[in-house]
Amino acid sequence: MIATIKSTARKLKGVARRAFQVEAACDYCQGSARLAERKFGWSRNAVQKGLEELASGVISPDAPKTGCHGFFERLLKLQSDNVKMYGMPCRLGRVHTIALKFP
């Protein structure tokens, strides 16, 4: 049973994961974040955050993801394509749009 609960929690993300962890903590750990940490190996802070969300009814936003995977590879390819097409590299403007020079 514990393996099934752990597996299910791993498949969820963000608010849904915390809601599931809180439900399991309330059912099997008397609503204790410390017992859920010990029994299921979850982050005590995540379970506590979920318990606070349940009590207040206000959902806390998740931390934003940082970085853009593959951004620099795409940028280098775009710059090389611009050099081939226009004979000069592109520059990023003030609002980070690509300024193209047309012949």
Protein backbone atom coordinates (compact mmCIF):
# COMPACT_ATOMS: atom_id res chain seq x y z
CA MET A 1 0.00 0.00 0.00
CA ILE A 2 2.81 2.43 0.87
CA ALA A 3 4.55 1.70 -2.44
CA THR A 4 1.35 2.50 -4.34
CA ILE A 5 0.90 5.80 -2.49
CA LYS A 6 4.54 6.78 -3.14
CA SER A 7 4.24 5.85 -6.81
CA THR A 8 1.07 7.89 -7.24
CA ALA A 9 2.61 10.94 -5.56
CA ARG A 10 5.65 10.75 -7.86
CA LYS A 11 3.40 10.94 -10.92
CA LEU A 12 1.67 14.13 -9.77
CA LYS A 13 3.08 17.66 -9.81
CA GLY A 14 2.50 20.90 -7.92
CA VAL A 15 -0.87 21.55 -6.34
CA ALA A 16 -2.27 18.12 -7.28
CA ARG A 17 0.69 16.39 -5.63
CA ARG A 18 0.35 18.40 -2.42
CA ALA A 19 -3.40 17.73 -2.32
CA PHE A 20 -2.77 14.00 -2.67
CA GLN A 21 -0.03 14.09 -0.01
CA VAL A 22 -2.32 15.92 2.40
CA GLU A 23 -5.11 13.42 1.81
CA ALA A 24 -2.73 10.51 2.47
CA ALA A 25 -1.26 12.28 5.52
CA CYS A 26 -4.72 12.85 6.95
CA ASP A 27 -5.81 9.26 6.28
CA TYR A 28 -2.67 7.40 7.39
CA CYS A 29 -0.61 9.83 9.53
CA GLN A 30 -3.19 11.67 11.64
CA GLY A 31 -2.57 14.83 9.57
CA SER A 32 1.05 15.07 10.68
CA ALA A 33 3.65 16.31 8.20
CA ARG A 34 6.43 14.73 10.29
CA LEU A 35 4.82 11.29 10.24
CA ALA A 36 4.19 11.59 6.48
CA GLU A 37 7.86 12.46 6.00
CA ARG A 38 8.94 9.42 8.00
CA LYS A 39 6.40 7.00 6.55
CA PHE A 40 6.36 8.03 2.86
CA GLY A 41 9.67 9.87 2.48
CA TRP A 42 7.99 13.10 1.33
CA SER A 43 9.21 16.59 2.03
CA ARG A 44 7.77 17.74 5.33
CA ASN A 45 7.64 21.31 3.98
CA ALA A 46 5.55 20.25 0.97
CA VAL A 47 3.07 18.37 3.16
CA GLN A 48 2.91 21.30 5.60
CA LYS A 49 2.29 23.71 2.71
CA GLY A 50 -0.51 21.45 1.50
CA LEU A 51 -2.02 21.32 4.99
CA GLU A 52 -1.96 25.13 5.15
CA GLU A 53 -3.60 25.33 1.71
CA LEU A 54 -6.32 22.95 2.88
CA ALA A 55 -6.95 24.91 6.08
CA SER A 56 -7.01 28.36 4.47
CA GLY A 57 -8.55 27.43 1.11
CA VAL A 58 -5.94 29.58 -0.66
CA ILE A 59 -3.66 27.81 -3.13
CA SER A 60 -0.01 28.90 -2.90
CA PRO A 61 1.63 29.36 -6.30
CA ASP A 62 4.44 27.02 -7.23
CA ALA A 63 7.92 28.38 -7.77
CA PRO A 64 8.49 29.35 -11.39
CA LYS A 65 10.69 27.11 -13.46
CA THR A 66 14.00 28.70 -14.25
CA GLY A 67 15.75 28.73 -17.56
CA CYS A 68 14.66 27.80 -21.00
CA HIS A 69 16.05 24.45 -22.03
CA GLY A 70 17.67 24.55 -25.43
CA PHE A 71 17.47 28.35 -25.70
CA PHE A 72 21.15 28.88 -26.43
CA GLU A 73 21.30 26.08 -28.99
CA ARG A 74 18.32 27.58 -30.84
CA LEU A 75 19.83 31.07 -30.60
CA LEU A 76 23.16 29.95 -32.09
CA LYS A 77 21.36 28.19 -34.94
CA LEU A 78 19.21 31.27 -35.56
CA GLN A 79 22.26 33.52 -35.60
CA SER A 80 24.10 31.28 -38.05
CA ASP A 81 20.99 31.16 -40.28
CA ASN A 82 20.81 34.98 -40.26
CA VAL A 83 24.46 35.25 -41.22
CA LYS A 84 23.79 32.92 -44.18
CA MET A 85 20.66 34.82 -45.24
CA TYR A 86 21.63 38.43 -44.63
CA GLY A 87 25.42 38.39 -44.46
CA MET A 88 25.45 39.75 -40.90
CA PRO A 89 24.45 38.49 -37.44
CA CYS A 90 21.24 39.65 -35.85
CA ARG A 91 21.10 41.68 -32.66
CA LEU A 92 18.58 41.55 -29.87
CA GLY A 93 16.61 44.76 -29.40
CA ARG A 94 15.40 46.38 -26.18
CA VAL A 95 12.37 44.10 -25.93
CA HIS A 96 14.37 41.00 -26.92
CA THR A 97 12.93 40.74 -30.39
CA ILE A 98 15.18 39.88 -33.27
CA ALA A 99 15.92 42.80 -35.53
CA LEU A 100 16.29 41.57 -39.07
CA LYS A 101 18.00 43.63 -41.73
CA PHE A 102 16.29 43.36 -45.07
CA PRO A 103 18.27 44.05 -48.25
